[in-house]
Amino acid sequence: HDSARAAAWFNRAAGQGYVDSQFDLAVLYERGDGVRQNPKAALKWYLIAAKAGDNQARDRAGQLAGQMPAQDVAQVRELAARFTPVPRDPVANTL
């Protein structure tokens, strides 16, 4: 298990709009597992996954936001709202 390598792959997939990877990346940022612990980054990815319909991410975002200063939450909400996934490479998942 290489947490830093996993985080790098989750980051790449999350940026391409894969909701499960967005949630998993948020968990890594929240725990500081494979990445430096970063509650703002965790909240950002939870909010992005929640917007895509992930209920667990929505619940976790609410809990985490409740532990953060309102100014930080507002800043992160703005960042999450501006998220646009990078285009996926259709050839990447073919054999």
Protein backbone atom coordinates (compact mmCIF):
# COMPACT_ATOMS: atom_id res chain seq x y z
CA HIS A 1 0.00 0.00 0.00
CA ASP A 2 1.49 3.28 -1.15
CA SER A 3 -0.79 6.05 0.07
CA ALA A 4 1.05 8.82 -1.75
CA ARG A 5 0.78 6.95 -5.04
CA ALA A 6 -2.89 6.20 -4.41
CA ALA A 7 -3.50 9.88 -3.68
CA ALA A 8 -1.87 10.84 -6.98
CA TRP A 9 -4.13 8.45 -8.91
CA PHE A 10 -7.24 9.55 -7.01
CA ASN A 11 -6.31 13.17 -7.74
CA ARG A 12 -6.04 12.44 -11.44
CA ALA A 13 -9.35 10.55 -11.56
CA ALA A 14 -11.11 13.12 -9.37
CA GLY A 15 -10.03 15.87 -11.72
CA GLN A 16 -11.61 13.92 -14.56
CA GLY A 17 -14.93 13.83 -12.74
CA TYR A 18 -14.95 10.34 -11.24
CA VAL A 19 -17.16 10.75 -8.19
CA ASP A 20 -15.83 7.78 -6.22
CA SER A 21 -12.29 9.12 -6.63
CA GLN A 22 -13.43 12.58 -5.55
CA PHE A 23 -14.80 11.10 -2.35
CA ASP A 24 -11.73 8.94 -1.76
CA LEU A 25 -9.41 11.89 -2.34
CA ALA A 26 -11.41 13.94 0.17
CA VAL A 27 -10.98 11.18 2.75
CA LEU A 28 -7.21 11.15 2.16
CA TYR A 29 -7.00 14.92 2.62
CA GLU A 30 -9.15 14.77 5.72
CA ARG A 31 -6.98 12.06 7.31
CA GLY A 32 -3.63 13.19 5.95
CA ASP A 33 -3.10 9.77 4.39
CA GLY A 34 -0.64 9.96 1.48
CA VAL A 35 -1.03 13.74 1.37
CA ARG A 36 -0.58 16.52 3.89
CA GLN A 37 -3.74 16.84 5.95
CA ASN A 38 -5.83 19.65 4.48
CA PRO A 39 -9.42 20.16 5.68
CA LYS A 40 -10.08 22.77 2.98
CA ALA A 41 -9.06 20.40 0.20
CA ALA A 42 -11.10 17.64 1.83
CA LEU A 43 -14.18 19.85 1.97
CA LYS A 44 -13.70 20.92 -1.64
CA TRP A 45 -13.68 17.34 -2.91
CA TYR A 46 -16.57 16.32 -0.64
CA LEU A 47 -18.63 19.22 -2.02
CA ILE A 48 -17.78 18.32 -5.62
CA ALA A 49 -18.73 14.68 -5.06
CA ALA A 50 -21.90 15.74 -3.24
CA LYS A 51 -22.93 17.94 -6.16
CA ALA A 52 -22.64 14.86 -8.37
CA GLY A 53 -25.08 13.02 -6.10
CA ASP A 54 -22.88 11.27 -3.53
CA ASN A 55 -24.93 11.33 -0.31
CA GLN A 56 -22.07 10.18 1.90
CA ALA A 57 -19.95 13.05 0.58
CA ARG A 58 -22.81 15.47 1.28
CA ASP A 59 -23.06 14.27 4.88
CA ARG A 60 -19.31 14.38 5.42
CA ALA A 61 -19.10 17.87 3.87
CA GLY A 62 -21.73 19.10 6.31
CA GLN A 63 -19.87 17.65 9.27
CA LEU A 64 -16.51 19.02 8.17
CA ALA A 65 -17.92 22.46 7.33
CA GLY A 66 -19.37 22.62 10.83
CA GLN A 67 -15.84 22.37 12.23
CA MET A 68 -14.36 25.12 10.06
CA PRO A 69 -14.52 28.93 10.18
CA ALA A 70 -17.37 30.30 8.04
CA GLN A 71 -14.94 32.33 5.93
CA ASP A 72 -12.99 29.18 5.01
CA VAL A 73 -16.19 27.31 4.17
CA ALA A 74 -17.37 30.14 1.90
CA GLN A 75 -14.00 30.21 0.12
CA VAL A 76 -14.03 26.44 -0.41
CA ARG A 77 -17.64 26.45 -1.61
CA GLU A 78 -16.66 28.99 -4.26
CA LEU A 79 -13.72 26.85 -5.38
CA ALA A 80 -15.90 23.74 -5.55
CA ALA A 81 -18.57 25.57 -7.53
CA ARG A 82 -15.99 26.53 -10.16
CA PHE A 83 -14.76 22.95 -10.60
CA THR A 84 -14.84 21.72 -14.18
CA PRO A 85 -13.54 18.24 -14.89
CA VAL A 86 -10.74 17.84 -17.39
CA PRO A 87 -11.68 15.82 -20.47
CA ARG A 88 -11.32 12.07 -20.13
CA ASP A 89 -9.19 10.14 -22.58
CA PRO A 90 -11.58 7.58 -24.13
CA VAL A 91 -8.64 5.40 -25.16
CA ALA A 92 -7.29 5.17 -21.61
CA ASN A 93 -9.84 2.55 -20.51
CA THR A 94 -9.69 0.32 -23.56
CA LEU A 95 -7.53 -2.70 -24.11
